[in-house]
Amino acid sequence: MASRSKPVPLPALPGPDEPPVPPFPGRVTDVGAYRLNLRRTGAGRGVGKAAERAVYVHGLAGSSLNWTDLMHVLAPRLPGVALDLPGFGLSEPPPGHDYSLQSHTNAVVSLIEAEGGRPVHLIGNSLGGVVSLRVAEQRPELVRTLTLVSPALPMYRLKLSNAHMPLMLLPGMPGLMFRLPPASSPQARADLFIGLCWADPRAMHPERRAEWVDEMRRREEFEHTDRAYVDSLRALATGFAPGRGNVWRTVAATTTPALVVFGRKDRLIDWRTSARAESTFPDARVVVFNDLGHVAQMEAPTRVAALVLDRLAEVAARQTGRSA
């Protein structure tokens, strides 16, 4: 940020007994070789012309809806655009049904270039965190800062809550698991994912829960839905293998200033990965929330927004000092 002297007041979110902020409108748009559903903040129209702006990248089984509250809170300081990754949400499948990490990375790069090609504050969750890392490694000139919320960094110990994930890699298993309890209906699948992602699923606003159910119901209409999830999961698993593609190598090679957030109650990503993240990132502030799960940006958007803005101000002040 250019200055810390006159911060713009951030909007408050409705209370738990009030209707939540409505989702930002989505529009399916040609972005390079992709047809992506994009949601922009009100101030985000013309985001390519803004000096400071954000791009939001959701996680596996998520969508641009996962960013509504954080986008709302940050909009006065960071107009932004959230995408549905290819094959997720309302975005069309990628060319050739290629759900590799590189294809997802290319989609985000194409979006940033379409938004003006100037560096953005890239904010990713889970799978979106890994994709964001790869964007920063491959195209550092496009990324001013990284914010990674429960990024899917390689871990080599299973938890009871994520023991089903390796099974999803077996041929035929995903189709079976998607059609048996507890994931045999849109409501059941939404409840399953919310239960995995939130530290306290009861804290999710009923209208937000209804949005997830509607999202699951819409995805049932698309033949590519299961394939997008499973192939993206398999692609993510390739980043856990030793060798050049290992995500920890990407972490070590990414010099973009980062904020990395973990939740101690995350049922999918072990928060203890934070220690290795802190020692491996060349330039990162690592924060662990004791009371949050896998989607801190949904569970505590105002707290995450405060961290984001503080980190951006810190990075800007440091860069200003270097240029003085």
Protein backbone atom coordinates (compact mmCIF):
# COMPACT_ATOMS: atom_id res chain seq x y z
CA MET A 1 0.00 0.00 0.00
CA ALA A 2 1.24 3.50 -0.72
CA SER A 3 0.68 4.91 2.77
CA ARG A 4 -0.45 3.87 6.23
CA SER A 5 -1.42 7.37 7.35
CA LYS A 6 -5.08 7.42 6.34
CA PRO A 7 -6.48 3.88 6.22
CA VAL A 8 -9.85 3.52 4.53
CA PRO A 9 -12.46 2.26 7.00
CA LEU A 10 -13.41 -1.33 6.30
CA PRO A 11 -17.09 -2.26 6.02
CA ALA A 12 -18.63 -4.24 8.85
CA LEU A 13 -20.26 -7.58 8.16
CA PRO A 14 -23.86 -8.28 9.21
CA GLY A 15 -24.39 -9.92 12.58
CA PRO A 16 -25.28 -13.62 12.94
CA ASP A 17 -29.01 -12.83 13.16
CA GLU A 18 -28.97 -10.68 10.00
CA PRO A 19 -28.92 -11.76 6.34
CA PRO A 20 -25.33 -12.14 5.12
CA VAL A 21 -23.73 -10.11 2.36
CA PRO A 22 -25.17 -11.39 -0.94
CA PRO A 23 -22.77 -13.07 -3.37
CA PHE A 24 -21.23 -10.82 -5.97
CA PRO A 25 -22.80 -11.39 -9.40
CA GLY A 26 -21.04 -13.92 -11.61
CA ARG A 27 -20.47 -13.76 -15.33
CA VAL A 28 -18.98 -16.44 -17.58
CA THR A 29 -16.29 -14.77 -19.68
CA ASP A 30 -13.71 -15.81 -22.25
CA VAL A 31 -10.30 -15.59 -20.57
CA GLY A 32 -7.57 -16.75 -22.91
CA ALA A 33 -8.29 -20.38 -23.75
CA TYR A 34 -10.76 -20.70 -20.86
CA ARG A 35 -14.41 -19.88 -20.19
CA LEU A 36 -14.42 -18.77 -16.58
CA ASN A 37 -17.10 -17.60 -14.20
CA LEU A 38 -15.88 -14.39 -12.56
CA ARG A 39 -17.27 -12.50 -9.57
CA ARG A 40 -16.15 -8.91 -9.02
CA THR A 41 -16.55 -6.61 -6.06
CA GLY A 42 -18.61 -3.50 -6.78
CA ALA A 43 -15.38 -1.50 -6.85
CA GLY A 44 -13.80 -4.30 -8.86
CA ARG A 45 -15.40 -3.32 -12.15
CA GLY A 46 -12.45 -2.00 -14.07
CA VAL A 47 -10.18 -3.73 -11.57
CA GLY A 48 -7.43 -3.76 -14.20
CA LYS A 49 -7.12 0.03 -13.76
CA ALA A 50 -6.84 -0.06 -9.96
CA ALA A 51 -3.40 0.49 -8.44
CA GLU A 52 -3.98 -2.25 -5.87
CA ARG A 53 -6.24 -5.19 -6.59
CA ALA A 54 -6.73 -8.79 -5.59
CA VAL A 55 -7.41 -12.06 -7.39
CA TYR A 56 -9.01 -14.88 -5.38
CA VAL A 57 -8.48 -18.60 -6.10
CA HIS A 58 -10.69 -21.17 -4.32
CA GLY A 59 -9.88 -24.67 -3.16
CA LEU A 60 -10.83 -28.19 -4.21
CA ALA A 61 -14.63 -28.60 -4.34
CA GLY A 62 -14.97 -24.87 -3.74
CA SER A 63 -15.90 -21.94 -5.93
CA SER A 64 -15.75 -18.16 -6.10
CA LEU A 65 -18.59 -18.11 -3.54
CA ASN A 66 -16.05 -19.04 -0.87
CA TRP A 67 -14.66 -15.48 -0.97
CA THR A 68 -17.82 -13.35 -0.66
CA ASP A 69 -17.27 -12.00 2.86
CA LEU A 70 -13.52 -11.45 2.58
CA MET A 71 -13.98 -9.70 -0.77
CA HIS A 72 -16.65 -7.48 0.77
CA VAL A 73 -14.43 -6.48 3.69
CA LEU A 74 -11.36 -5.83 1.55
CA ALA A 75 -13.16 -4.12 -1.36
CA PRO A 76 -12.55 -0.49 -0.23
CA ARG A 77 -8.80 -1.14 -0.14
CA LEU A 78 -8.50 -3.98 -2.64
CA PRO A 79 -11.06 -4.21 -5.43
CA GLY A 80 -11.00 -7.79 -6.53
CA VAL A 81 -12.14 -10.59 -8.79
CA ALA A 82 -12.70 -14.23 -7.84
CA LEU A 83 -12.78 -16.99 -10.42
CA ASP A 84 -14.26 -20.43 -10.55
CA LEU A 85 -11.34 -22.62 -11.61
CA PRO A 86 -11.93 -24.49 -14.89
CA GLY A 87 -14.58 -27.17 -14.39
CA PHE A 88 -15.63 -25.83 -10.97
CA GLY A 89 -18.59 -23.66 -10.06
CA LEU A 90 -20.03 -22.26 -13.28
CA SER A 91 -16.78 -22.28 -15.26
CA GLU A 92 -16.60 -24.55 -18.27
CA PRO A 93 -14.13 -27.46 -18.43
CA PRO A 94 -10.62 -26.58 -19.58
CA PRO A 95 -9.48 -27.43 -23.12
CA GLY A 96 -8.94 -31.15 -23.39
CA HIS A 97 -10.38 -31.62 -19.88
CA ASP A 98 -6.90 -30.90 -18.56
CA TYR A 99 -7.18 -30.49 -14.79
CA SER A 100 -3.45 -30.54 -14.12
CA LEU A 101 -1.91 -28.02 -11.75
CA GLN A 102 -0.31 -26.38 -14.76
CA SER A 103 -3.68 -25.96 -16.49
CA HIS A 104 -5.18 -24.32 -13.37
CA THR A 105 -2.06 -22.16 -13.11
CA ASN A 106 -2.42 -21.12 -16.75
CA ALA A 107 -6.06 -20.14 -16.13
CA VAL A 108 -5.09 -17.80 -13.29
CA VAL A 109 -2.23 -16.31 -15.32
CA SER A 110 -4.64 -15.74 -18.20
CA LEU A 111 -7.02 -13.93 -15.86
CA ILE A 112 -4.33 -11.63 -14.45
CA GLU A 113 -3.14 -10.82 -17.95
CA ALA A 114 -6.72 -10.13 -19.07
CA GLU A 115 -7.13 -7.78 -16.08
CA GLY A 116 -4.31 -5.58 -17.30
CA GLY A 117 -1.21 -7.66 -16.70
CA ARG A 118 0.02 -5.61 -13.75
CA PRO A 119 0.93 -7.35 -10.47
CA VAL A 120 -1.93 -8.36 -8.18
CA HIS A 121 -2.32 -9.49 -4.61
CA LEU A 122 -3.03 -13.18 -5.15
CA ILE A 123 -5.14 -14.88 -2.48
CA GLY A 124 -5.66 -18.66 -2.56
CA ASN A 125 -7.18 -21.35 -0.36
CA SER A 126 -6.16 -25.04 -0.27
CA LEU A 127 -5.73 -26.18 -3.91
CA GLY A 128 -5.98 -22.50 -4.84
CA GLY A 129 -3.05 -21.83 -2.55
CA VAL A 130 -0.86 -24.28 -4.46
CA VAL A 131 -2.02 -22.85 -7.79
CA SER A 132 -1.23 -19.34 -6.51
CA LEU A 133 2.24 -20.49 -5.46
CA ARG A 134 2.90 -21.82 -8.94
CA VAL A 135 1.73 -18.56 -10.52
CA ALA A 136 4.14 -16.62 -8.29
CA GLU A 137 7.01 -19.00 -9.08
CA GLN A 138 6.45 -19.03 -12.84
CA ARG A 139 5.32 -15.44 -13.35
CA PRO A 140 6.66 -13.41 -10.40
CA GLU A 141 6.13 -10.14 -12.28
CA LEU A 142 2.36 -10.74 -12.04
CA VAL A 143 2.17 -11.20 -8.26
CA ARG A 144 2.82 -8.44 -5.73
CA THR A 145 2.00 -10.50 -2.63
CA LEU A 146 0.64 -13.94 -1.80
CA THR A 147 -1.96 -14.78 0.83
CA LEU A 148 -2.36 -18.52 1.28
CA VAL A 149 -5.16 -19.84 3.49
CA SER A 150 -4.60 -23.49 4.49
CA PRO A 151 -2.55 -24.15 1.35
CA ALA A 152 -2.42 -27.82 0.36
CA LEU A 153 1.28 -28.18 1.13
CA PRO A 154 2.60 -31.74 1.14
CA MET A 155 2.17 -33.55 4.43
CA TYR A 156 2.97 -37.15 5.08
CA ARG A 157 0.73 -38.04 7.97
CA LEU A 158 -2.95 -38.82 7.52
CA LYS A 159 -5.64 -37.65 9.92
CA LEU A 160 -8.81 -39.61 10.58
CA SER A 161 -10.77 -36.73 9.07
CA ASN A 162 -8.94 -36.88 5.74
CA ALA A 163 -8.26 -40.63 5.48
CA HIS A 164 -10.77 -40.86 2.62
CA MET A 165 -8.62 -38.68 0.34
CA PRO A 166 -6.24 -41.47 -0.86
CA LEU A 167 -9.28 -43.64 -1.64
CA MET A 168 -10.51 -40.95 -4.03
CA LEU A 169 -7.46 -41.63 -6.19
CA LEU A 170 -8.48 -45.24 -6.89
CA PRO A 171 -10.23 -45.97 -10.23
CA GLY A 172 -14.00 -46.07 -9.85
CA MET A 173 -13.95 -45.10 -6.19
CA PRO A 174 -14.98 -41.42 -6.57
CA GLY A 175 -18.17 -42.26 -8.45
CA LEU A 176 -19.09 -44.75 -5.76
CA MET A 177 -18.30 -42.41 -2.87
CA PHE A 178 -20.27 -39.54 -4.43
CA ARG A 179 -23.38 -41.73 -4.60
CA LEU A 180 -23.36 -43.38 -1.19
CA PRO A 181 -24.14 -41.84 2.19
CA PRO A 182 -22.95 -39.44 3.48
CA ALA A 183 -22.63 -37.81 0.02
CA SER A 184 -25.65 -39.14 -1.86
CA SER A 185 -27.49 -35.82 -2.32
CA PRO A 186 -26.60 -32.13 -2.77
CA GLN A 187 -27.63 -31.47 0.83
CA ALA A 188 -25.54 -34.38 2.09
CA ARG A 189 -22.50 -33.36 0.05
CA ALA A 190 -22.76 -29.78 1.25
CA ASP A 191 -23.01 -30.97 4.86
CA LEU A 192 -20.00 -33.25 4.33
CA PHE A 193 -17.79 -30.51 2.90
CA ILE A 194 -18.89 -27.95 5.48
CA GLY A 195 -18.18 -30.46 8.24
CA LEU A 196 -14.67 -31.00 6.88
CA CYS A 197 -13.90 -27.34 6.24
CA TRP A 198 -15.35 -25.47 9.23
CA ALA A 199 -14.03 -25.80 12.76
CA ASP A 200 -17.63 -25.41 13.98
CA PRO A 201 -20.12 -26.14 11.17
CA ARG A 202 -22.92 -24.75 13.34
CA ALA A 203 -21.35 -21.30 13.03
CA MET A 204 -22.07 -21.15 9.30
CA HIS A 205 -24.96 -18.83 8.51
CA PRO A 206 -28.02 -20.77 7.25
CA GLU A 207 -28.12 -18.69 4.08
CA ARG A 208 -24.46 -19.44 3.38
CA ARG A 209 -25.22 -23.13 3.89
CA ALA A 210 -28.13 -22.83 1.44
CA GLU A 211 -25.74 -21.31 -1.11
CA TRP A 212 -23.51 -24.38 -0.82
CA VAL A 213 -26.48 -26.70 -1.30
CA ASP A 214 -27.60 -24.75 -4.37
CA GLU A 215 -24.04 -24.91 -5.68
CA MET A 216 -23.97 -28.69 -5.27
CA ARG A 217 -27.34 -28.97 -6.97
CA ARG A 218 -26.18 -26.92 -9.96
CA ARG A 219 -23.02 -28.99 -10.28
CA GLU A 220 -25.09 -32.17 -10.55
CA GLU A 221 -26.33 -30.85 -13.90
CA PHE A 222 -22.80 -30.90 -15.37
CA GLU A 223 -21.25 -34.12 -16.62
CA HIS A 224 -17.75 -32.82 -15.86
CA THR A 225 -18.28 -32.17 -12.13
CA ASP A 226 -16.92 -35.44 -10.72
CA ARG A 227 -14.05 -35.51 -13.18
CA ALA A 228 -13.02 -31.94 -12.35
CA TYR A 229 -12.84 -32.81 -8.65
CA VAL A 230 -11.08 -36.16 -9.00
CA ASP A 231 -8.59 -35.15 -11.68
CA SER A 232 -7.72 -31.99 -9.75
CA LEU A 233 -7.21 -34.07 -6.61
CA ARG A 234 -4.94 -36.43 -8.52
CA ALA A 235 -3.02 -33.46 -9.92
CA LEU A 236 -2.61 -32.11 -6.41
CA ALA A 237 -1.26 -35.49 -5.30
CA THR A 238 1.51 -35.21 -7.89
CA GLY A 239 2.81 -32.23 -5.94
CA PHE A 240 3.33 -34.48 -2.91
CA ALA A 241 5.72 -36.81 -4.75
CA PRO A 242 9.48 -36.30 -4.48
CA GLY A 243 11.17 -34.64 -7.42
CA ARG A 244 10.97 -31.46 -9.44
CA GLY A 245 7.20 -31.10 -9.10
CA ASN A 246 7.14 -31.30 -5.32
CA VAL A 247 5.30 -28.31 -3.88
CA TRP A 248 7.93 -27.71 -1.20
CA ARG A 249 10.40 -26.97 -4.00
CA THR A 250 7.96 -24.38 -5.30
CA VAL A 251 7.71 -22.89 -1.81
CA ALA A 252 11.48 -22.59 -1.52
CA ALA A 253 11.73 -20.98 -4.96
CA THR A 254 8.96 -18.43 -4.42
CA THR A 255 10.41 -15.11 -3.29
CA THR A 256 7.12 -13.18 -3.44
CA PRO A 257 6.24 -11.79 0.03
CA ALA A 258 3.63 -14.09 1.53
CA LEU A 259 1.12 -14.36 4.34
CA VAL A 260 0.37 -18.00 5.17
CA VAL A 261 -2.61 -18.82 7.40
CA PHE A 262 -3.39 -22.16 9.05
CA GLY A 263 -6.18 -23.31 11.35
CA ARG A 264 -5.37 -25.55 14.30
CA LYS A 265 -8.80 -27.18 13.88
CA ASP A 266 -8.31 -27.87 10.17
CA ARG A 267 -9.53 -31.40 9.40
CA LEU A 268 -7.87 -31.52 5.97
CA ILE A 269 -4.46 -29.83 6.29
CA ASP A 270 -2.36 -30.50 9.38
CA TRP A 271 -1.62 -27.15 11.02
CA ARG A 272 1.79 -28.47 12.08
CA THR A 273 2.84 -28.00 8.46
CA SER A 274 3.13 -24.35 9.48
CA ALA A 275 6.53 -24.99 11.07
CA ARG A 276 8.02 -26.25 7.82
CA ALA A 277 6.30 -23.45 5.92
CA GLU A 278 7.91 -20.86 8.20
CA SER A 279 11.36 -22.31 7.65
CA THR A 280 10.99 -22.89 3.89
CA PHE A 281 9.33 -19.75 2.53
CA PRO A 282 12.01 -17.16 1.69
CA ASP A 283 9.74 -14.29 2.76
CA ALA A 284 6.59 -15.14 4.70
CA ARG A 285 4.63 -14.34 7.81
CA VAL A 286 3.00 -17.54 9.07
CA VAL A 287 -0.06 -17.35 11.33
CA VAL A 288 -1.96 -20.17 13.05
CA PHE A 289 -5.50 -19.50 14.27
CA ASN A 290 -6.28 -21.73 17.25
CA ASP A 291 -10.05 -21.70 16.72
CA LEU A 292 -10.42 -21.99 12.93
CA GLY A 293 -10.49 -24.75 10.36
CA HIS A 294 -9.76 -25.08 6.65
CA VAL A 295 -11.55 -21.96 5.36
CA ALA A 296 -10.49 -19.12 7.65
CA GLN A 297 -11.58 -16.61 5.02
CA MET A 298 -15.18 -17.81 5.50
CA GLU A 299 -15.05 -18.51 9.24
CA ALA A 300 -13.39 -15.23 10.29
CA PRO A 301 -13.21 -12.92 7.25
CA THR A 302 -12.62 -9.73 9.23
CA ARG A 303 -9.69 -11.22 11.11
CA VAL A 304 -8.17 -12.53 7.89
CA ALA A 305 -8.72 -9.16 6.19
CA ALA A 306 -6.89 -7.39 9.01
CA LEU A 307 -3.93 -9.74 8.61
CA VAL A 308 -3.89 -9.24 4.84
CA LEU A 309 -3.86 -5.45 5.10
CA ASP A 310 -1.25 -5.43 7.84
CA ARG A 311 1.02 -7.68 5.79
CA LEU A 312 0.53 -5.52 2.68
CA ALA A 313 1.38 -2.39 4.64
CA GLU A 314 4.46 -4.08 6.09
CA VAL A 315 5.68 -5.14 2.64
CA ALA A 316 5.00 -1.68 1.17
CA ALA A 317 6.85 0.06 4.01
CA ARG A 318 9.81 -2.23 3.55
CA GLN A 319 9.89 -1.63 -0.21
CA THR A 320 9.60 2.14 0.32
CA GLY A 321 12.53 2.01 2.73
CA ARG A 322 14.65 0.18 0.17
CA SER A 323 13.93 2.76 -2.52
CA ALA A 324 14.61 5.76 -0.26
